[in-house]
N, C-alpha and C. Protein backbone atom coordinates (compact mmCIF):
# COMPACT_ATOMS: atom_id res chain seq x y z
N ALA A 1 9.16 164.30 269.11
CA ALA A 1 7.77 164.28 268.59
C ALA A 1 7.60 163.14 267.59
N THR A 2 8.58 163.00 266.72
CA THR A 2 8.47 161.94 265.71
C THR A 2 8.45 160.57 266.38
N TRP A 3 9.30 160.39 267.35
CA TRP A 3 9.39 159.12 268.06
C TRP A 3 8.04 158.78 268.67
N PHE A 4 7.42 159.79 269.29
CA PHE A 4 6.14 159.58 269.96
C PHE A 4 5.07 159.13 268.97
N SER A 5 4.98 159.81 267.84
CA SER A 5 3.96 159.47 266.84
C SER A 5 4.24 158.07 266.29
N LEU A 6 5.51 157.72 266.16
CA LEU A 6 5.85 156.38 265.67
C LEU A 6 5.39 155.34 266.67
N GLY A 7 5.57 155.62 267.94
CA GLY A 7 5.14 154.69 268.98
C GLY A 7 3.63 154.56 268.99
N ARG A 8 2.94 155.65 268.72
CA ARG A 8 1.47 155.63 268.72
C ARG A 8 0.95 154.62 267.71
N ARG A 9 1.32 154.82 266.43
CA ARG A 9 0.90 153.83 265.44
C ARG A 9 2.02 152.82 265.32
N THR A 10 1.67 151.58 265.24
CA THR A 10 2.59 150.45 265.39
C THR A 10 4.00 150.70 264.88
N GLY A 11 4.95 150.66 265.79
CA GLY A 11 6.35 150.84 265.43
C GLY A 11 6.85 149.63 264.66
N GLY A 12 6.20 148.49 264.85
CA GLY A 12 6.61 147.27 264.14
C GLY A 12 6.49 147.45 262.64
N LYS A 13 5.39 148.07 262.22
CA LYS A 13 5.20 148.30 260.78
C LYS A 13 6.30 149.21 260.27
N TYR A 14 6.63 150.24 261.04
CA TYR A 14 7.67 151.18 260.65
C TYR A 14 9.01 150.44 260.51
N LEU A 15 9.28 149.56 261.48
CA LEU A 15 10.53 148.80 261.44
C LEU A 15 10.57 147.91 260.21
N LEU A 16 9.44 147.26 259.92
CA LEU A 16 9.39 146.38 258.75
C LEU A 16 9.67 147.17 257.48
N GLU A 17 9.08 148.35 257.38
CA GLU A 17 9.30 149.19 256.20
C GLU A 17 10.78 149.52 256.05
N ARG A 18 11.40 149.89 257.17
CA ARG A 18 12.83 150.24 257.14
C ARG A 18 13.66 149.03 256.74
N LEU A 19 13.33 147.87 257.33
CA LEU A 19 14.08 146.66 257.02
C LEU A 19 13.96 146.32 255.54
N LYS A 20 12.74 146.46 255.02
CA LYS A 20 12.54 146.15 253.60
C LYS A 20 13.38 147.09 252.75
N ARG A 21 13.39 148.37 253.10
CA ARG A 21 14.14 149.35 252.31
C ARG A 21 15.64 149.06 252.36
N LEU A 22 16.11 148.51 253.48
CA LEU A 22 17.53 148.19 253.58
C LEU A 22 17.81 146.84 252.92
N PHE A 23 16.87 145.91 253.08
CA PHE A 23 17.06 144.54 252.63
C PHE A 23 17.08 144.42 251.11
N VAL A 24 16.15 145.11 250.45
CA VAL A 24 16.05 144.99 248.99
C VAL A 24 17.33 145.42 248.29
N PRO A 25 17.88 146.61 248.58
CA PRO A 25 19.14 146.99 247.93
C PRO A 25 20.28 146.05 248.29
N MET A 26 20.27 145.54 249.51
CA MET A 26 21.32 144.63 249.95
C MET A 26 21.28 143.36 249.11
N MET A 27 20.08 142.80 248.93
CA MET A 27 19.94 141.59 248.14
C MET A 27 20.38 141.85 246.70
N PHE A 28 19.95 142.99 246.16
CA PHE A 28 20.31 143.35 244.79
C PHE A 28 21.84 143.44 244.65
N GLY A 29 22.47 144.09 245.61
CA GLY A 29 23.92 144.24 245.60
C GLY A 29 24.61 142.89 245.66
N MET A 30 24.09 142.00 246.49
CA MET A 30 24.69 140.67 246.63
C MET A 30 24.57 139.91 245.31
N LEU A 31 23.39 139.99 244.69
CA LEU A 31 23.18 139.30 243.41
C LEU A 31 24.17 139.80 242.36
N VAL A 32 24.32 141.12 242.29
CA VAL A 32 25.24 141.71 241.32
C VAL A 32 26.68 141.29 241.63
N PHE A 33 26.99 141.26 242.92
CA PHE A 33 28.35 140.92 243.35
C PHE A 33 28.68 139.46 243.03
N VAL A 34 27.71 138.58 243.26
CA VAL A 34 27.93 137.14 243.06
C VAL A 34 27.99 136.78 241.58
N SER A 35 27.11 137.36 240.78
CA SER A 35 27.06 136.98 239.36
C SER A 35 28.28 137.49 238.59
């Protein structure tokens, strides 16, 4: 059911949200690791 509703309203937006949520902590971790 969740998959279907996600497909109904643009899945691209959902993907972008997920990517952002993964990307931000990753960048933060890299910055902390490098400095």
